Amino acid sequence: FGPYGSYPGPLYAAATLLTFPILILFILFSR
C-alpha cells in the first residue's frame, strides 16, 4: 500500500483474487 499507492488498480485486482477462493468454496459446499 505504501510504495504502490500510485497503482491502486493492481491492489484492487489482488484483493479481488484474495476473495475468490472463499467464494468458490462456499458455492461448492453451500448445501
PDB file of all heavy atoms in Angstrom:
ATOM      1  N   PHE A   1       0.821  -1.209   0.000  1.00  0.00           N
ATOM      2  CA  PHE A   1       0.000   0.000   0.000  1.00  0.00           C
ATOM      3  C   PHE A   1       0.855   1.259   0.000  1.00  0.00           C
ATOM      4  O   PHE A   1       0.476   2.266  -0.567  1.00  0.00           O
ATOM      5  CB  PHE A   1      -0.936   0.004   1.217  1.00  0.00           C
ATOM      6  CG  PHE A   1      -2.210  -0.751   0.976  1.00  0.00           C
ATOM      7  CD1 PHE A   1      -2.450  -1.956   1.600  1.00  0.00           C
ATOM      8  CD2 PHE A   1      -3.162  -0.256   0.107  1.00  0.00           C
ATOM      9  CE1 PHE A   1      -3.615  -2.657   1.368  1.00  0.00           C
ATOM     10  CE2 PHE A   1      -4.340  -0.950  -0.129  1.00  0.00           C
ATOM     11  CZ  PHE A   1      -4.562  -2.153   0.507  1.00  0.00           C
ATOM     12  N   GLY A   2       2.013   1.201   0.656  1.00  0.00           N
ATOM     13  CA  GLY A   2       2.883   2.372   0.681  1.00  0.00           C
ATOM     14  C   GLY A   2       3.526   2.635  -0.668  1.00  0.00           C
ATOM     15  O   GLY A   2       3.183   3.589  -1.377  1.00  0.00           O
ATOM     16  N   PRO A   3       4.456   1.761  -1.104  1.00  0.00           N
ATOM     17  CA  PRO A   3       5.150   2.017  -2.367  1.00  0.00           C
ATOM     18  C   PRO A   3       4.267   1.924  -3.597  1.00  0.00           C
ATOM     19  O   PRO A   3       4.609   2.464  -4.640  1.00  0.00           O
ATOM     20  CB  PRO A   3       6.235   0.930  -2.388  1.00  0.00           C
ATOM     21  CG  PRO A   3       5.730  -0.140  -1.485  1.00  0.00           C
ATOM     22  CD  PRO A   3       4.964   0.568  -0.429  1.00  0.00           C
ATOM     23  N   TYR A   4       3.124   1.224  -3.484  1.00  0.00           N
ATOM     24  CA  TYR A   4       2.267   1.061  -4.656  1.00  0.00           C
ATOM     25  C   TYR A   4       0.962   1.855  -4.526  1.00  0.00           C
ATOM     26  O   TYR A   4      -0.044   1.510  -5.127  1.00  0.00           O
ATOM     27  CB  TYR A   4       1.969  -0.423  -4.887  1.00  0.00           C
ATOM     28  CG  TYR A   4       3.129  -1.146  -5.504  1.00  0.00           C
ATOM     29  CD1 TYR A   4       4.186  -1.571  -4.703  1.00  0.00           C
ATOM     30  CD2 TYR A   4       3.193  -1.380  -6.865  1.00  0.00           C
ATOM     31  CE1 TYR A   4       5.278  -2.210  -5.254  1.00  0.00           C
ATOM     32  CE2 TYR A   4       4.283  -2.020  -7.433  1.00  0.00           C
ATOM     33  CZ  TYR A   4       5.322  -2.432  -6.617  1.00  0.00           C
ATOM     34  OH  TYR A   4       6.409  -3.059  -7.166  1.00  0.00           O
ATOM     35  N   GLY A   5       1.020   2.918  -3.738  1.00  0.00           N
ATOM     36  CA  GLY A   5      -0.168   3.748  -3.593  1.00  0.00           C
ATOM     37  C   GLY A   5      -0.599   4.390  -4.893  1.00  0.00           C
ATOM     38  O   GLY A   5      -1.766   4.706  -5.090  1.00  0.00           O
ATOM     39  N   SER A   6       0.366   4.580  -5.798  1.00  0.00           N
ATOM     40  CA  SER A   6       0.046   5.185  -7.095  1.00  0.00           C
ATOM     41  C   SER A   6      -0.437   4.153  -8.104  1.00  0.00           C
ATOM     42  O   SER A   6      -0.725   4.494  -9.250  1.00  0.00           O
ATOM     43  CB  SER A   6       1.284   5.906  -7.653  1.00  0.00           C
ATOM     44  OG  SER A   6       2.372   5.005  -7.763  1.00  0.00           O
ATOM     45  N   TYR A   7      -0.508   2.876  -7.685  1.00  0.00           N
ATOM     46  CA  TYR A   7      -1.012   1.800  -8.544  1.00  0.00           C
ATOM     47  C   TYR A   7      -2.170   1.082  -7.844  1.00  0.00           C
ATOM     48  O   TYR A   7      -2.083  -0.095  -7.519  1.00  0.00           O
ATOM     49  CB  TYR A   7       0.095   0.793  -8.872  1.00  0.00           C
ATOM     50  CG  TYR A   7       1.252   1.381  -9.627  1.00  0.00           C
ATOM     51  CD1 TYR A   7       2.379   1.810  -8.941  1.00  0.00           C
ATOM     52  CD2 TYR A   7       1.208   1.512 -11.013  1.00  0.00           C
ATOM     53  CE1 TYR A   7       3.450   2.359  -9.628  1.00  0.00           C
ATOM     54  CE2 TYR A   7       2.283   2.061 -11.705  1.00  0.00           C
ATOM     55  CZ  TYR A   7       3.396   2.492 -11.012  1.00  0.00           C
ATOM     56  OH  TYR A   7       4.460   3.033 -11.683  1.00  0.00           O
ATOM     57  N   PRO A   8      -3.260   1.774  -7.603  1.00  0.00           N
ATOM     58  CA  PRO A   8      -4.371   1.148  -6.863  1.00  0.00           C
ATOM     59  C   PRO A   8      -5.072   0.055  -7.654  1.00  0.00           C
ATOM     60  O   PRO A   8      -5.650  -0.857  -7.075  1.00  0.00           O
ATOM     61  CB  PRO A   8      -5.312   2.320  -6.574  1.00  0.00           C
ATOM     62  CG  PRO A   8      -5.033   3.298  -7.678  1.00  0.00           C
ATOM     63  CD  PRO A   8      -3.569   3.175  -7.971  1.00  0.00           C
ATOM     64  N   GLY A   9      -5.027   0.125  -8.985  1.00  0.00           N
ATOM     65  CA  GLY A   9      -5.686  -0.898  -9.799  1.00  0.00           C
ATOM     66  C   GLY A   9      -5.196  -2.295  -9.500  1.00  0.00           C
ATOM     67  O   GLY A   9      -5.996  -3.198  -9.220  1.00  0.00           O
ATOM     68  N   PRO A  10      -3.877  -2.547  -9.550  1.00  0.00           N
ATOM     69  CA  PRO A  10      -3.372  -3.880  -9.211  1.00  0.00           C
ATOM     70  C   PRO A  10      -3.686  -4.305  -7.778  1.00  0.00           C
ATOM     71  O   PRO A  10      -3.888  -5.493  -7.518  1.00  0.00           O
ATOM     72  CB  PRO A  10      -1.866  -3.742  -9.429  1.00  0.00           C
ATOM     73  CG  PRO A  10      -1.740  -2.659 -10.448  1.00  0.00           C
ATOM     74  CD  PRO A  10      -2.843  -1.696 -10.128  1.00  0.00           C
ATOM     75  N   LEU A  11      -3.742  -3.334  -6.864  1.00  0.00           N
ATOM     76  CA  LEU A  11      -4.096  -3.675  -5.484  1.00  0.00           C
ATOM     77  C   LEU A  11      -5.530  -4.176  -5.413  1.00  0.00           C
ATOM     78  O   LEU A  11      -5.836  -5.139  -4.705  1.00  0.00           O
ATOM     79  CB  LEU A  11      -3.910  -2.459  -4.576  1.00  0.00           C
ATOM     80  CG  LEU A  11      -2.466  -2.032  -4.302  1.00  0.00           C
ATOM     81  CD1 LEU A  11      -2.439  -0.762  -3.462  1.00  0.00           C
ATOM     82  CD2 LEU A  11      -1.709  -3.133  -3.600  1.00  0.00           C
ATOM     83  N   TYR A  12      -6.425  -3.517  -6.135  1.00  0.00           N
ATOM     84  CA  TYR A  12      -7.810  -3.977  -6.182  1.00  0.00           C
ATOM     85  C   TYR A  12      -7.904  -5.352  -6.850  1.00  0.00           C
ATOM     86  O   TYR A  12      -8.683  -6.205  -6.428  1.00  0.00           O
ATOM     87  CB  TYR A  12      -8.687  -2.979  -6.939  1.00  0.00           C
ATOM     88  CG  TYR A  12      -9.028  -1.731  -6.168  1.00  0.00           C
ATOM     89  CD1 TYR A  12      -8.718  -0.465  -6.655  1.00  0.00           C
ATOM     90  CD2 TYR A  12      -9.667  -1.824  -4.936  1.00  0.00           C
ATOM     91  CE1 TYR A  12      -9.037   0.682  -5.937  1.00  0.00           C
ATOM     92  CE2 TYR A  12      -9.994  -0.684  -4.213  1.00  0.00           C
ATOM     93  CZ  TYR A  12      -9.668   0.572  -4.720  1.00  0.00           C
ATOM     94  OH  TYR A  12      -9.980   1.692  -4.004  1.00  0.00           O
ATOM     95  N   ALA A  13      -7.119  -5.564  -7.889  1.00  0.00           N
ATOM     96  CA  ALA A  13      -7.141  -6.855  -8.579  1.00  0.00           C
ATOM     97  C   ALA A  13      -6.645  -7.966  -7.645  1.00  0.00           C
ATOM     98  O   ALA A  13      -7.231  -9.052  -7.591  1.00  0.00           O
ATOM     99  CB  ALA A  13      -6.281  -6.786  -9.838  1.00  0.00           C
ATOM    100  N   ALA A  14      -5.560  -7.700  -6.922  1.00  0.00           N
ATOM    101  CA  ALA A  14      -5.037  -8.700  -5.985  1.00  0.00           C
ATOM    102  C   ALA A  14      -6.028  -8.973  -4.857  1.00  0.00           C
ATOM    103  O   ALA A  14      -6.212 -10.122  -4.435  1.00  0.00           O
ATOM    104  CB  ALA A  14      -3.707  -8.222  -5.409  1.00  0.00           C
ATOM    105  N   ALA A  15      -6.678  -7.916  -4.375  1.00  0.00           N
ATOM    106  CA  ALA A  15      -7.677  -8.103  -3.319  1.00  0.00           C
ATOM    107  C   ALA A  15      -8.869  -8.904  -3.826  1.00  0.00           C
ATOM    108  O   ALA A  15      -9.463  -9.697  -3.091  1.00  0.00           O
ATOM    109  CB  ALA A  15      -8.144  -6.744  -2.797  1.00  0.00           C
ATOM    110  N   THR A  16      -9.238  -8.707  -5.089  1.00  0.00           N
ATOM    111  CA  THR A  16     -10.322  -9.494  -5.689  1.00  0.00           C
ATOM    112  C   THR A  16      -9.945 -10.961  -5.761  1.00  0.00           C
ATOM    113  O   THR A  16     -10.755 -11.845  -5.437  1.00  0.00           O
ATOM    114  CB  THR A  16     -10.653  -8.963  -7.093  1.00  0.00           C
ATOM    115  OG1 THR A  16     -11.044  -7.591  -7.016  1.00  0.00           O
ATOM    116  CG2 THR A  16     -11.784  -9.771  -7.713  1.00  0.00           C
ATOM    117  N   LEU A  17      -8.716 -11.242  -6.182  1.00  0.00           N
ATOM    118  CA  LEU A  17      -8.247 -12.629  -6.219  1.00  0.00           C
ATOM    119  C   LEU A  17      -8.255 -13.253  -4.830  1.00  0.00           C
ATOM    120  O   LEU A  17      -8.494 -14.451  -4.680  1.00  0.00           O
ATOM    121  CB  LEU A  17      -6.834 -12.686  -6.811  1.00  0.00           C
ATOM    122  CG  LEU A  17      -6.697 -12.323  -8.290  1.00  0.00           C
ATOM    123  CD1 LEU A  17      -5.229 -12.349  -8.693  1.00  0.00           C
ATOM    124  CD2 LEU A  17      -7.497 -13.286  -9.153  1.00  0.00           C
ATOM    125  N   LEU A  18      -8.028 -12.431  -3.822  1.00  0.00           N
ATOM    126  CA  LEU A  18      -7.987 -12.919  -2.442  1.00  0.00           C
ATOM    127  C   LEU A  18      -9.361 -13.389  -1.973  1.00  0.00           C
ATOM    128  O   LEU A  18      -9.464 -14.257  -1.106  1.00  0.00           O
ATOM    129  CB  LEU A  18      -7.466 -11.809  -1.520  1.00  0.00           C
ATOM    130  CG  LEU A  18      -7.042 -12.191  -0.100  1.00  0.00           C
ATOM    131  CD1 LEU A  18      -5.886 -13.164  -0.133  1.00  0.00           C
ATOM    132  CD2 LEU A  18      -6.675 -10.950   0.683  1.00  0.00           C
ATOM    133  N   THR A  19     -10.425 -12.830  -2.538  1.00  0.00           N
ATOM    134  CA  THR A  19     -11.777 -13.195  -2.107  1.00  0.00           C
ATOM    135  C   THR A  19     -12.349 -14.392  -2.860  1.00  0.00           C
ATOM    136  O   THR A  19     -13.302 -15.018  -2.390  1.00  0.00           O
ATOM    137  CB  THR A  19     -12.740 -12.008  -2.297  1.00  0.00           C
ATOM    138  OG1 THR A  19     -12.841 -11.694  -3.693  1.00  0.00           O
ATOM    139  CG2 THR A  19     -12.240 -10.785  -1.533  1.00  0.00           C
ATOM    140  N   PHE A  20     -11.776 -14.726  -4.022  1.00  0.00           N
ATOM    141  CA  PHE A  20     -12.372 -15.758  -4.858  1.00  0.00           C
ATOM    142  C   PHE A  20     -12.344 -17.158  -4.253  1.00  0.00           C
ATOM    143  O   PHE A  20     -13.340 -17.886  -4.348  1.00  0.00           O
ATOM    144  CB  PHE A  20     -11.714 -15.763  -6.238  1.00  0.00           C
ATOM    145  CG  PHE A  20     -12.462 -14.941  -7.247  1.00  0.00           C
ATOM    146  CD1 PHE A  20     -11.990 -13.709  -7.651  1.00  0.00           C
ATOM    147  CD2 PHE A  20     -13.662 -15.395  -7.772  1.00  0.00           C
ATOM    148  CE1 PHE A  20     -12.689 -12.938  -8.567  1.00  0.00           C
ATOM    149  CE2 PHE A  20     -14.373 -14.645  -8.686  1.00  0.00           C
ATOM    150  CZ  PHE A  20     -13.881 -13.406  -9.087  1.00  0.00           C
ATOM    151  N   PRO A  21     -11.246 -17.617  -3.660  1.00  0.00           N
ATOM    152  CA  PRO A  21     -11.250 -18.985  -3.111  1.00  0.00           C
ATOM    153  C   PRO A  21     -12.349 -19.222  -2.087  1.00  0.00           C
ATOM    154  O   PRO A  21     -12.988 -20.275  -2.095  1.00  0.00           O
ATOM    155  CB  PRO A  21      -9.859 -19.102  -2.474  1.00  0.00           C
ATOM    156  CG  PRO A  21      -9.018 -18.158  -3.254  1.00  0.00           C
ATOM    157  CD  PRO A  21      -9.916 -17.005  -3.565  1.00  0.00           C
ATOM    158  N   ILE A  22     -12.590 -18.254  -1.208  1.00  0.00           N
ATOM    159  CA  ILE A  22     -13.638 -18.415  -0.207  1.00  0.00           C
ATOM    160  C   ILE A  22     -15.005 -18.468  -0.874  1.00  0.00           C
ATOM    161  O   ILE A  22     -15.867 -19.273  -0.497  1.00  0.00           O
ATOM    162  CB  ILE A  22     -13.576 -17.266   0.820  1.00  0.00           C
ATOM    163  CG1 ILE A  22     -12.243 -17.312   1.577  1.00  0.00           C
ATOM    164  CG2 ILE A  22     -14.741 -17.347   1.794  1.00  0.00           C
ATOM    165  CD1 ILE A  22     -12.047 -16.170   2.532  1.00  0.00           C
ATOM    166  N   LEU A  23     -15.212 -17.610  -1.872  1.00  0.00           N
ATOM    167  CA  LEU A  23     -16.489 -17.601  -2.589  1.00  0.00           C
ATOM    168  C   LEU A  23     -16.725 -18.920  -3.298  1.00  0.00           C
ATOM    169  O   LEU A  23     -17.822 -19.489  -3.248  1.00  0.00           O
ATOM    170  CB  LEU A  23     -16.505 -16.444  -3.586  1.00  0.00           C
ATOM    171  CG  LEU A  23     -17.753 -16.314  -4.468  1.00  0.00           C
ATOM    172  CD1 LEU A  23     -18.983 -16.065  -3.614  1.00  0.00           C
ATOM    173  CD2 LEU A  23     -17.566 -15.203  -5.497  1.00  0.00           C
ATOM    174  N   ILE A  24     -15.700 -19.446  -3.958  1.00  0.00           N
ATOM    175  CA  ILE A  24     -15.833 -20.711  -4.683  1.00  0.00           C
ATOM    176  C   ILE A  24     -16.117 -21.862  -3.725  1.00  0.00           C
ATOM    177  O   ILE A  24     -16.984 -22.710  -3.986  1.00  0.00           O
ATOM    178  CB  ILE A  24     -14.554 -20.983  -5.499  1.00  0.00           C
ATOM    179  CG1 ILE A  24     -14.413 -19.949  -6.615  1.00  0.00           C
ATOM    180  CG2 ILE A  24     -14.577 -22.395  -6.088  1.00  0.00           C
ATOM    181  CD1 ILE A  24     -13.105 -20.016  -7.360  1.00  0.00           C
ATOM    182  N   LEU A  25     -15.398 -21.904  -2.597  1.00  0.00           N
ATOM    183  CA  LEU A  25     -15.628 -22.958  -1.615  1.00  0.00           C
ATOM    184  C   LEU A  25     -17.043 -22.894  -1.061  1.00  0.00           C
ATOM    185  O   LEU A  25     -17.694 -23.921  -0.867  1.00  0.00           O
ATOM    186  CB  LEU A  25     -14.615 -22.845  -0.475  1.00  0.00           C
ATOM    187  CG  LEU A  25     -13.215 -23.393  -0.741  1.00  0.00           C
ATOM    188  CD1 LEU A  25     -12.316 -23.117   0.441  1.00  0.00           C
ATOM    189  CD2 LEU A  25     -13.269 -24.884  -1.029  1.00  0.00           C
ATOM    190  N   PHE A  26     -17.525 -21.689  -0.799  1.00  0.00           N
ATOM    191  CA  PHE A  26     -18.881 -21.559  -0.265  1.00  0.00           C
ATOM    192  C   PHE A  26     -19.919 -22.056  -1.267  1.00  0.00           C
ATOM    193  O   PHE A  26     -20.884 -22.723  -0.895  1.00  0.00           O
ATOM    194  CB  PHE A  26     -19.171 -20.105   0.104  1.00  0.00           C
ATOM    195  CG  PHE A  26     -20.540 -19.907   0.694  1.00  0.00           C
ATOM    196  CD1 PHE A  26     -20.789 -20.206   2.021  1.00  0.00           C
ATOM    197  CD2 PHE A  26     -21.588 -19.450  -0.091  1.00  0.00           C
ATOM    198  CE1 PHE A  26     -22.054 -20.029   2.560  1.00  0.00           C
ATOM    199  CE2 PHE A  26     -22.854 -19.279   0.437  1.00  0.00           C
ATOM    200  CZ  PHE A  26     -23.087 -19.574   1.774  1.00  0.00           C
ATOM    201  N   ILE A  27     -19.719 -21.743  -2.540  1.00  0.00           N
ATOM    202  CA  ILE A  27     -20.660 -22.201  -3.572  1.00  0.00           C
ATOM    203  C   ILE A  27     -20.638 -23.724  -3.668  1.00  0.00           C
ATOM    204  O   ILE A  27     -21.677 -24.378  -3.774  1.00  0.00           O
ATOM    205  CB  ILE A  27     -20.328 -21.556  -4.924  1.00  0.00           C
ATOM    206  CG1 ILE A  27     -20.583 -20.049  -4.868  1.00  0.00           C
ATOM    207  CG2 ILE A  27     -21.153 -22.189  -6.041  1.00  0.00           C
ATOM    208  CD1 ILE A  27     -20.154 -19.303  -6.116  1.00  0.00           C
ATOM    209  N   LEU A  28     -19.455 -24.315  -3.620  1.00  0.00           N
ATOM    210  CA  LEU A  28     -19.322 -25.765  -3.753  1.00  0.00           C
ATOM    211  C   LEU A  28     -19.922 -26.510  -2.573  1.00  0.00           C
ATOM    212  O   LEU A  28     -20.508 -27.589  -2.727  1.00  0.00           O
ATOM    213  CB  LEU A  28     -17.846 -26.141  -3.916  1.00  0.00           C
ATOM    214  CG  LEU A  28     -17.164 -25.724  -5.223  1.00  0.00           C
ATOM    215  CD1 LEU A  28     -15.684 -26.086  -5.192  1.00  0.00           C
ATOM    216  CD2 LEU A  28     -17.835 -26.376  -6.417  1.00  0.00           C
ATOM    217  N   PHE A  29     -19.778 -25.934  -1.364  1.00  0.00           N
ATOM    218  CA  PHE A  29     -20.211 -26.636  -0.159  1.00  0.00           C
ATOM    219  C   PHE A  29     -21.412 -25.971   0.513  1.00  0.00           C
ATOM    220  O   PHE A  29     -21.665 -26.198   1.685  1.00  0.00           O
ATOM    221  CB  PHE A  29     -19.056 -26.701   0.852  1.00  0.00           C
ATOM    222  CG  PHE A  29     -17.877 -27.484   0.375  1.00  0.00           C
ATOM    223  CD1 PHE A  29     -16.757 -26.840  -0.112  1.00  0.00           C
ATOM    224  CD2 PHE A  29     -17.888 -28.868   0.392  1.00  0.00           C
ATOM    225  CE1 PHE A  29     -15.659 -27.546  -0.559  1.00  0.00           C
ATOM    226  CE2 PHE A  29     -16.801 -29.596  -0.046  1.00  0.00           C
ATOM    227  CZ  PHE A  29     -15.682 -28.937  -0.528  1.00  0.00           C
ATOM    228  N   SER A  30     -22.152 -25.156  -0.239  1.00  0.00           N
ATOM    229  CA  SER A  30     -23.245 -24.394   0.370  1.00  0.00           C
ATOM    230  C   SER A  30     -24.319 -25.296   0.967  1.00  0.00           C
ATOM    231  O   SER A  30     -24.860 -25.020   2.041  1.00  0.00           O
ATOM    232  CB  SER A  30     -23.859 -23.449  -0.671  1.00  0.00           C
ATOM    233  OG  SER A  30     -24.351 -24.180  -1.781  1.00  0.00           O
ATOM    234  N   ARG A  31     -24.633 -26.416   0.279  1.00  0.00           N
ATOM    235  CA  ARG A  31     -25.680 -27.311   0.789  1.00  0.00           C
ATOM    236  C   ARG A  31     -25.265 -27.934   2.122  1.00  0.00           C
ATOM    237  O   ARG A  31     -26.035 -27.927   3.088  1.00  0.00           O
ATOM    238  CB  ARG A  31     -25.981 -28.403  -0.228  1.00  0.00           C
ATOM    239  CG  ARG A  31     -27.083 -29.357   0.208  1.00  0.00           C
ATOM    240  CD  ARG A  31     -27.432 -30.343  -0.891  1.00  0.00           C
ATOM    241  NE  ARG A  31     -27.875 -29.659  -2.101  1.00  0.00           N
ATOM    242  CZ  ARG A  31     -28.199 -30.298  -3.216  1.00  0.00           C
ATOM    243  NH1 ARG A  31     -28.109 -31.620  -3.295  1.00  0.00           N
ATOM    244  NH2 ARG A  31     -28.612 -29.614  -4.275  1.00  0.00           N
TER     245      ARG A  31
END
